[in-house]
């Protein structure tokens, strides 16, 4: 099983990649943290309301004090599983993960007010869209920092 496969399992559920890497304690801790944050933030309920297009209900259901932990937990678990499986050997390869976590957190913060083209996207869709600028900025800074090496 290669590093990318373990990365994809971490996308499915934070901690799975660590279990596949034989990092059982770390994997179990990440899975428990994911469930704790998921339940405390009402994440699954918020996802269901968002997918049904009921953004105002999704906003009212979200516990943002807990929901803001999710992006860092999620992207750290992906990075950690990928790195432990032998991926990410080049310098600063963590930056796209770190900047994605940052931008998704900022997207979560502004998800109750920020409208794109007049549409309120809410606490699921705006953070998901925020991954794109996070990846772009992360890759650009990585490229800039490794320039000339």
N, C-alpha and C. Protein backbone atom coordinates (compact mmCIF):
# COMPACT_ATOMS: atom_id res chain seq x y z
N UNK A 1 0.86 -1.17 0.00
CA UNK A 1 0.00 0.00 0.00
C UNK A 1 0.91 1.24 0.00
N UNK A 2 0.67 2.17 -0.91
CA UNK A 2 1.55 3.34 -1.00
C UNK A 2 1.03 4.52 -0.18
N UNK A 3 1.83 5.58 -0.15
CA UNK A 3 1.52 6.75 0.67
C UNK A 3 0.22 7.42 0.25
N UNK A 4 -0.04 7.46 -1.06
CA UNK A 4 -1.26 8.12 -1.53
C UNK A 4 -2.51 7.36 -1.09
N UNK A 5 -2.43 6.05 -1.08
CA UNK A 5 -3.58 5.26 -0.63
C UNK A 5 -3.88 5.54 0.85
N UNK A 6 -2.84 5.65 1.64
CA UNK A 6 -3.04 5.95 3.07
C UNK A 6 -3.55 7.37 3.26
N UNK A 7 -3.13 8.29 2.40
CA UNK A 7 -3.66 9.65 2.42
C UNK A 7 -5.17 9.61 2.13
N UNK A 8 -5.57 8.83 1.12
CA UNK A 8 -6.99 8.76 0.79
C UNK A 8 -7.82 8.13 1.90
N UNK A 9 -7.26 7.15 2.61
CA UNK A 9 -7.99 6.58 3.75
C UNK A 9 -8.14 7.60 4.87
N UNK A 10 -7.16 8.49 5.01
CA UNK A 10 -7.28 9.55 6.01
C UNK A 10 -8.31 10.59 5.60
N UNK A 11 -8.49 10.76 4.30
CA UNK A 11 -9.56 11.65 3.84
C UNK A 11 -10.91 11.04 4.20
N UNK A 12 -11.02 9.72 4.07
CA UNK A 12 -12.28 9.04 4.42
C UNK A 12 -12.59 9.18 5.91
N UNK A 13 -11.59 8.97 6.75
CA UNK A 13 -11.77 9.16 8.20
C UNK A 13 -10.40 9.38 8.83
N UNK A 14 -10.22 10.54 9.44
CA UNK A 14 -8.94 10.81 10.11
C UNK A 14 -8.60 9.69 11.10
N UNK A 15 -7.39 9.18 10.97
CA UNK A 15 -6.93 8.09 11.82
C UNK A 15 -6.78 6.77 11.09
N UNK A 16 -7.54 6.58 10.02
CA UNK A 16 -7.44 5.32 9.26
C UNK A 16 -6.06 5.16 8.64
N UNK A 17 -5.51 6.22 8.10
CA UNK A 17 -4.17 6.15 7.52
C UNK A 17 -3.13 5.76 8.54
N UNK A 18 -3.27 6.29 9.76
CA UNK A 18 -2.34 5.95 10.83
C UNK A 18 -2.46 4.48 11.20
N UNK A 19 -3.67 3.95 11.25
CA UNK A 19 -3.85 2.53 11.53
C UNK A 19 -3.18 1.68 10.46
N UNK A 20 -3.34 2.07 9.19
CA UNK A 20 -2.70 1.34 8.10
C UNK A 20 -1.18 1.44 8.16
N UNK A 21 -0.66 2.52 8.73
CA UNK A 21 0.78 2.69 8.90
C UNK A 21 1.32 1.96 10.14
N UNK A 22 0.43 1.32 10.89
CA UNK A 22 0.86 0.63 12.11
C UNK A 22 1.03 1.55 13.30
N UNK A 23 0.55 2.77 13.18
CA UNK A 23 0.61 3.75 14.28
C UNK A 23 -0.73 3.71 15.01
N UNK A 24 -0.90 2.61 15.76
CA UNK A 24 -2.22 2.31 16.33
C UNK A 24 -2.68 3.31 17.37
N UNK A 25 -1.80 3.71 18.27
CA UNK A 25 -2.20 4.67 19.32
C UNK A 25 -2.59 6.00 18.68
N UNK A 26 -1.73 6.48 17.78
CA UNK A 26 -2.02 7.74 17.10
C UNK A 26 -3.32 7.64 16.30
N UNK A 27 -3.52 6.54 15.60
CA UNK A 27 -4.73 6.35 14.82
C UNK A 27 -5.98 6.34 15.68
N UNK A 28 -5.94 5.61 16.79
CA UNK A 28 -7.10 5.55 17.68
C UNK A 28 -7.38 6.92 18.29
N UNK A 29 -6.32 7.64 18.69
CA UNK A 29 -6.50 8.98 19.25
C UNK A 29 -7.15 9.90 18.21
N UNK A 30 -6.67 9.85 16.98
CA UNK A 30 -7.25 10.71 15.93
C UNK A 30 -8.71 10.33 15.63
N UNK A 31 -9.01 9.05 15.61
CA UNK A 31 -10.40 8.62 15.39
C UNK A 31 -11.29 9.10 16.53
N UNK A 32 -10.82 8.94 17.77
CA UNK A 32 -11.61 9.42 18.92
C UNK A 32 -11.80 10.93 18.89
N UNK A 33 -10.74 11.66 18.54
CA UNK A 33 -10.87 13.11 18.43
C UNK A 33 -11.84 13.50 17.32
N UNK A 34 -11.78 12.78 16.20
CA UNK A 34 -12.70 13.06 15.10
C UNK A 34 -14.13 12.86 15.54
N UNK A 35 -14.41 11.77 16.24
CA UNK A 35 -15.77 11.53 16.72
C UNK A 35 -16.19 12.57 17.75
N UNK A 36 -15.29 12.94 18.64
CA UNK A 36 -15.61 13.96 19.65
C UNK A 36 -15.97 15.29 18.99
N UNK A 37 -15.12 15.76 18.09
CA UNK A 37 -15.38 17.02 17.42
C UNK A 37 -16.63 16.93 16.55
N UNK A 38 -16.79 15.81 15.86
CA UNK A 38 -17.95 15.60 15.01
C UNK A 38 -19.25 15.70 15.82
N UNK A 39 -19.32 15.00 16.93
CA UNK A 39 -20.54 14.99 17.74
C UNK A 39 -20.77 16.34 18.39
N UNK A 40 -19.72 16.91 18.98
CA UNK A 40 -19.87 18.18 19.70
C UNK A 40 -20.23 19.34 18.76
N UNK A 41 -19.77 19.27 17.52
CA UNK A 41 -20.05 20.36 16.57
C UNK A 41 -21.35 20.16 15.81
N UNK A 42 -21.97 18.99 15.97
CA UNK A 42 -23.17 18.61 15.20
C UNK A 42 -22.87 18.52 13.71
N UNK A 43 -21.67 18.11 13.39
CA UNK A 43 -21.16 18.15 12.02
C UNK A 43 -22.03 17.36 11.05
N UNK A 44 -22.41 16.15 11.38
CA UNK A 44 -23.21 15.33 10.45
C UNK A 44 -24.58 15.96 10.19
N UNK A 45 -25.20 16.52 11.21
CA UNK A 45 -26.49 17.20 11.05
C UNK A 45 -26.33 18.42 10.15
N UNK A 46 -25.24 19.17 10.37
CA UNK A 46 -24.95 20.34 9.55
C UNK A 46 -24.71 19.94 8.10
N UNK A 47 -24.00 18.84 7.89
CA UNK A 47 -23.77 18.34 6.52
C UNK A 47 -25.11 18.00 5.85
N UNK A 48 -25.98 17.31 6.57
CA UNK A 48 -27.27 16.92 5.97
C UNK A 48 -28.08 18.15 5.59
N UNK A 49 -28.17 19.14 6.48
CA UNK A 49 -28.93 20.35 6.17
C UNK A 49 -28.32 21.08 4.99
N UNK A 50 -26.99 21.14 4.94
CA UNK A 50 -26.30 21.83 3.84
C UNK A 50 -26.56 21.13 2.51
N UNK A 51 -26.50 19.80 2.49
CA UNK A 51 -26.74 19.07 1.25
C UNK A 51 -28.19 19.22 0.79
N UNK A 52 -29.09 19.48 1.72
CA UNK A 52 -30.49 19.70 1.36
C UNK A 52 -30.74 21.16 0.99
N UNK A 53 -29.70 22.00 1.05
CA UNK A 53 -29.82 23.40 0.68
C UNK A 53 -30.41 24.29 1.76
N UNK A 54 -30.56 23.77 2.95
CA UNK A 54 -31.12 24.55 4.06
C UNK A 54 -29.97 25.15 4.88
N UNK A 55 -29.37 26.19 4.33
CA UNK A 55 -28.15 26.76 4.90
C UNK A 55 -28.43 27.45 6.23
N UNK A 56 -29.54 28.15 6.34
CA UNK A 56 -29.85 28.84 7.61
C UNK A 56 -29.99 27.82 8.75
N UNK A 57 -30.62 26.69 8.49
CA UNK A 57 -30.75 25.64 9.50
C UNK A 57 -29.37 25.07 9.82
N UNK A 58 -28.55 24.85 8.81
CA UNK A 58 -27.20 24.33 9.03
C UNK A 58 -26.41 25.27 9.95
N UNK A 59 -26.52 26.56 9.70
CA UNK A 59 -25.82 27.55 10.54
C UNK A 59 -26.32 27.48 11.97
N UNK A 60 -27.63 27.38 12.14
CA UNK A 60 -28.18 27.35 13.50
C UNK A 60 -27.84 26.05 14.24
N UNK A 61 -27.61 24.97 13.50
CA UNK A 61 -27.28 23.68 14.11
C UNK A 61 -25.81 23.56 14.49
N UNK A 62 -24.96 24.33 13.84
CA UNK A 62 -23.51 24.19 14.04
C UNK A 62 -23.07 24.76 15.37
N UNK A 63 -22.21 24.03 16.04
CA UNK A 63 -21.52 24.54 17.22
C UNK A 63 -20.13 24.96 16.73
N UNK A 64 -20.00 26.23 16.42
CA UNK A 64 -18.77 26.72 15.79
C UNK A 64 -17.56 26.64 16.71
N UNK A 65 -17.76 26.66 18.02
CA UNK A 65 -16.64 26.52 18.94
C UNK A 65 -15.95 25.17 18.76
N UNK A 66 -16.70 24.16 18.41
CA UNK A 66 -16.14 22.83 18.15
C UNK A 66 -15.80 22.65 16.67
N UNK A 67 -16.64 23.18 15.79
CA UNK A 67 -16.46 22.98 14.36
C UNK A 67 -15.12 23.55 13.87
N UNK A 68 -14.65 24.60 14.50
CA UNK A 68 -13.39 25.21 14.06
C UNK A 68 -12.18 24.32 14.33
N UNK A 69 -12.30 23.32 15.19
CA UNK A 69 -11.21 22.37 15.40
C UNK A 69 -11.07 21.38 14.24
N UNK A 70 -12.16 21.15 13.54
CA UNK A 70 -12.18 20.06 12.55
C UNK A 70 -11.16 20.22 11.43
N UNK A 71 -11.03 21.39 10.81
CA UNK A 71 -10.07 21.49 9.69
C UNK A 71 -8.63 21.13 10.07
N UNK A 72 -8.16 21.61 11.21
CA UNK A 72 -6.78 21.30 11.60
C UNK A 72 -6.60 19.82 11.91
N UNK A 73 -7.56 19.24 12.59
CA UNK A 73 -7.52 17.81 12.88
C UNK A 73 -7.52 17.00 11.58
N UNK A 74 -8.39 17.37 10.67
CA UNK A 74 -8.56 16.66 9.41
C UNK A 74 -7.30 16.72 8.55
N UNK A 75 -6.77 17.94 8.35
CA UNK A 75 -5.60 18.08 7.48
C UNK A 75 -4.33 17.56 8.14
N UNK A 76 -4.23 17.66 9.48
CA UNK A 76 -3.08 17.08 10.14
C UNK A 76 -3.08 15.56 9.97
N UNK A 77 -4.24 14.93 10.15
CA UNK A 77 -4.32 13.47 10.00
C UNK A 77 -3.93 13.04 8.59
N UNK A 78 -4.35 13.81 7.59
CA UNK A 78 -3.97 13.47 6.20
C UNK A 78 -2.46 13.61 6.02
N UNK A 79 -1.92 14.74 6.46
CA UNK A 79 -0.48 14.96 6.29
C UNK A 79 0.32 13.90 7.03
N UNK A 80 -0.05 13.61 8.26
CA UNK A 80 0.69 12.67 9.09
C UNK A 80 0.69 11.27 8.49
N UNK A 81 -0.46 10.82 8.00
CA UNK A 81 -0.54 9.49 7.39
C UNK A 81 0.31 9.43 6.12
N UNK A 82 0.25 10.47 5.33
CA UNK A 82 1.03 10.54 4.08
C UNK A 82 2.52 10.54 4.39
N UNK A 83 2.95 11.35 5.34
CA UNK A 83 4.36 11.46 5.72
C UNK A 83 4.87 10.14 6.31
N UNK A 84 4.11 9.55 7.21
CA UNK A 84 4.54 8.29 7.83
C UNK A 84 4.61 7.14 6.83
N UNK A 85 3.87 7.24 5.73
CA UNK A 85 3.89 6.19 4.71
C UNK A 85 5.01 6.41 3.69
N UNK A 86 5.80 7.45 3.90
CA UNK A 86 6.94 7.69 3.01
C UNK A 86 6.73 8.80 2.00
N UNK A 87 5.58 9.45 2.03
CA UNK A 87 5.33 10.56 1.12
C UNK A 87 5.86 11.86 1.70
N UNK A 88 5.79 12.91 0.90
CA UNK A 88 6.15 14.23 1.39
C UNK A 88 7.60 14.39 1.79
N UNK A 89 8.50 13.81 1.05
CA UNK A 89 9.92 13.88 1.40
C UNK A 89 10.57 15.20 0.99
N UNK A 90 9.99 15.89 0.01
CA UNK A 90 10.59 17.14 -0.42
C UNK A 90 10.37 18.23 0.64
N UNK A 91 11.24 19.22 0.64
CA UNK A 91 11.18 20.29 1.63
C UNK A 91 9.83 21.02 1.55
N UNK A 92 9.32 21.35 2.71
CA UNK A 92 8.10 22.15 2.86
C UNK A 92 6.86 21.50 2.25
N UNK A 93 6.88 20.20 2.11
CA UNK A 93 5.73 19.53 1.50
C UNK A 93 4.49 19.56 2.40
N UNK A 94 4.65 19.97 3.64
CA UNK A 94 3.52 20.10 4.55
C UNK A 94 2.70 21.35 4.27
N UNK A 95 3.28 22.33 3.56
CA UNK A 95 2.63 23.64 3.41
C UNK A 95 1.25 23.59 2.76
N UNK A 96 1.00 22.82 1.70
CA UNK A 96 -0.37 22.78 1.17
C UNK A 96 -1.39 22.25 2.19
N UNK A 97 -0.99 21.32 3.02
CA UNK A 97 -1.89 20.80 4.06
C UNK A 97 -2.15 21.88 5.11
N UNK A 98 -1.08 22.54 5.56
CA UNK A 98 -1.21 23.55 6.61
C UNK A 98 -2.04 24.74 6.13
N UNK A 99 -1.77 25.21 4.92
CA UNK A 99 -2.54 26.35 4.41
C UNK A 99 -3.98 25.97 4.11
N UNK A 100 -4.22 24.74 3.69
CA UNK A 100 -5.60 24.30 3.50
C UNK A 100 -6.35 24.31 4.84
N UNK A 101 -5.71 23.81 5.89
CA UNK A 101 -6.34 23.83 7.21
C UNK A 101 -6.66 25.26 7.63
N UNK A 102 -5.71 26.17 7.39
CA UNK A 102 -5.92 27.57 7.75
C UNK A 102 -7.08 28.18 6.96
N UNK A 103 -7.07 28.02 5.64
CA UNK A 103 -8.12 28.62 4.82
C UNK A 103 -9.48 28.01 5.11
N UNK A 104 -9.55 26.71 5.37
CA UNK A 104 -10.83 26.09 5.70
C UNK A 104 -11.34 26.61 7.05
N UNK A 105 -10.43 26.82 7.99
CA UNK A 105 -10.84 27.40 9.28
C UNK A 105 -11.38 28.81 9.08
N UNK A 106 -10.69 29.62 8.28
CA UNK A 106 -11.18 30.97 7.99
C UNK A 106 -12.52 30.90 7.25
N UNK A 107 -12.65 29.96 6.33
CA UNK A 107 -13.93 29.77 5.64
C UNK A 107 -15.05 29.42 6.61
N UNK A 108 -14.73 28.63 7.61
CA UNK A 108 -15.72 28.28 8.64
C UNK A 108 -16.13 29.52 9.43
N UNK A 109 -15.15 30.34 9.78
CA UNK A 109 -15.42 31.55 10.55
C UNK A 109 -16.37 32.48 9.80
N UNK A 110 -16.14 32.67 8.50
CA UNK A 110 -16.93 33.60 7.71
C UNK A 110 -18.16 32.96 7.07
N UNK A 111 -18.39 31.70 7.32
CA UNK A 111 -19.47 30.97 6.62
C UNK A 111 -20.87 31.43 6.98
N UNK A 112 -21.03 32.16 8.07
CA UNK A 112 -22.36 32.63 8.45
C UNK A 112 -22.73 33.94 7.78
N UNK A 113 -21.74 34.64 7.20
CA UNK A 113 -21.99 35.97 6.64
C UNK A 113 -21.57 36.12 5.18
N UNK A 114 -20.48 35.48 4.79
CA UNK A 114 -19.91 35.70 3.46
C UNK A 114 -20.77 35.05 2.38
N UNK A 115 -21.10 35.85 1.39
CA UNK A 115 -21.89 35.37 0.25
C UNK A 115 -21.02 35.43 -1.00
N UNK A 116 -21.10 34.40 -1.80
CA UNK A 116 -20.43 34.39 -3.11
C UNK A 116 -21.49 34.51 -4.18
N UNK A 117 -21.41 35.57 -4.97
CA UNK A 117 -22.39 35.85 -6.01
C UNK A 117 -23.80 35.89 -5.43
N UNK A 118 -23.91 36.45 -4.22
CA UNK A 118 -25.20 36.60 -3.56
C UNK A 118 -25.72 35.36 -2.86
N UNK A 119 -24.94 34.29 -2.85
CA UNK A 119 -25.38 33.03 -2.26
C UNK A 119 -24.63 32.77 -0.96
N UNK A 120 -25.40 32.54 0.11
CA UNK A 120 -24.81 32.16 1.39
C UNK A 120 -24.52 30.66 1.34
N UNK A 121 -23.24 30.30 1.39
CA UNK A 121 -22.86 28.89 1.24
C UNK A 121 -22.85 28.12 2.55
N UNK A 122 -22.66 28.81 3.67
CA UNK A 122 -22.76 28.18 4.97
C UNK A 122 -21.55 27.40 5.42
N UNK A 123 -21.69 26.68 6.54
CA UNK A 123 -20.55 26.06 7.21
C UNK A 123 -20.01 24.77 6.59
N UNK A 124 -20.55 24.34 5.47
CA UNK A 124 -20.00 23.18 4.76
C UNK A 124 -19.41 23.61 3.43
N UNK A 125 -20.21 24.28 2.60
CA UNK A 125 -19.77 24.58 1.24
C UNK A 125 -18.67 25.63 1.18
N UNK A 126 -18.75 26.71 1.98
CA UNK A 126 -17.68 27.71 1.94
C UNK A 126 -16.35 27.12 2.42
N UNK A 127 -16.31 26.38 3.53
CA UNK A 127 -15.05 25.75 3.91
C UNK A 127 -14.51 24.77 2.86
N UNK A 128 -15.38 24.01 2.22
CA UNK A 128 -14.92 23.10 1.18
C UNK A 128 -14.28 23.88 0.03
N UNK A 129 -14.92 24.96 -0.39
CA UNK A 129 -14.36 25.80 -1.45
C UNK A 129 -13.05 26.46 -1.02
N UNK A 130 -12.89 26.67 0.28
CA UNK A 130 -11.69 27.30 0.81
C UNK A 130 -10.45 26.42 0.70
N UNK A 131 -10.64 25.14 0.45
CA UNK A 131 -9.50 24.24 0.24
C UNK A 131 -8.71 24.70 -0.98
N UNK A 132 -9.40 25.16 -2.01
CA UNK A 132 -8.73 25.52 -3.27
C UNK A 132 -7.70 26.63 -3.06
N UNK A 133 -8.08 27.79 -2.50
CA UNK A 133 -7.04 28.80 -2.28
C UNK A 133 -5.98 28.34 -1.28
N UNK A 134 -6.35 27.50 -0.33
CA UNK A 134 -5.37 26.97 0.62
C UNK A 134 -4.30 26.15 -0.08
N UNK A 135 -4.73 25.28 -0.98
CA UNK A 135 -3.77 24.47 -1.74
C UNK A 135 -2.89 25.35 -2.64
N UNK A 136 -3.53 26.29 -3.33
CA UNK A 136 -2.78 27.17 -4.24
C UNK A 136 -1.72 27.96 -3.48
N UNK A 137 -2.13 28.60 -2.40
CA UNK A 137 -1.18 29.39 -1.59
C UNK A 137 -0.09 28.49 -1.03
N UNK A 138 -0.47 27.32 -0.51
CA UNK A 138 0.51 26.38 0.04
C UNK A 138 1.55 25.95 -0.99
N UNK A 139 1.08 25.60 -2.18
CA UNK A 139 2.01 25.19 -3.24
C UNK A 139 2.88 26.35 -3.72
N UNK A 140 2.30 27.55 -3.82
CA UNK A 140 3.09 28.71 -4.25
C UNK A 140 4.17 29.07 -3.23
N UNK A 141 3.82 29.05 -1.96
CA UNK A 141 4.81 29.35 -0.92
C UNK A 141 5.88 28.26 -0.88
N UNK A 142 5.47 27.01 -1.03
CA UNK A 142 6.44 25.91 -1.09
C UNK A 142 7.41 26.12 -2.26
N UNK A 143 6.86 26.47 -3.41
CA UNK A 143 7.69 26.70 -4.59
C UNK A 143 8.65 27.87 -4.35
N UNK A 144 8.14 28.94 -3.77
CA UNK A 144 8.97 30.11 -3.47
C UNK A 144 10.09 29.78 -2.47
N UNK A 145 9.75 29.00 -1.45
CA UNK A 145 10.73 28.66 -0.40
C UNK A 145 11.79 27.68 -0.89
N UNK A 146 11.47 26.90 -1.90
CA UNK A 146 12.45 25.92 -2.42
C UNK A 146 13.15 26.43 -3.68
N UNK A 147 12.83 27.64 -4.08
CA UNK A 147 13.45 28.24 -5.27
C UNK A 147 14.95 28.34 -5.07
N UNK A 148 15.69 27.81 -6.01
CA UNK A 148 17.13 27.88 -5.94
C UNK A 148 17.79 26.78 -5.12
N UNK A 149 17.00 25.83 -4.62
CA UNK A 149 17.62 24.72 -3.86
C UNK A 149 17.67 23.46 -4.67
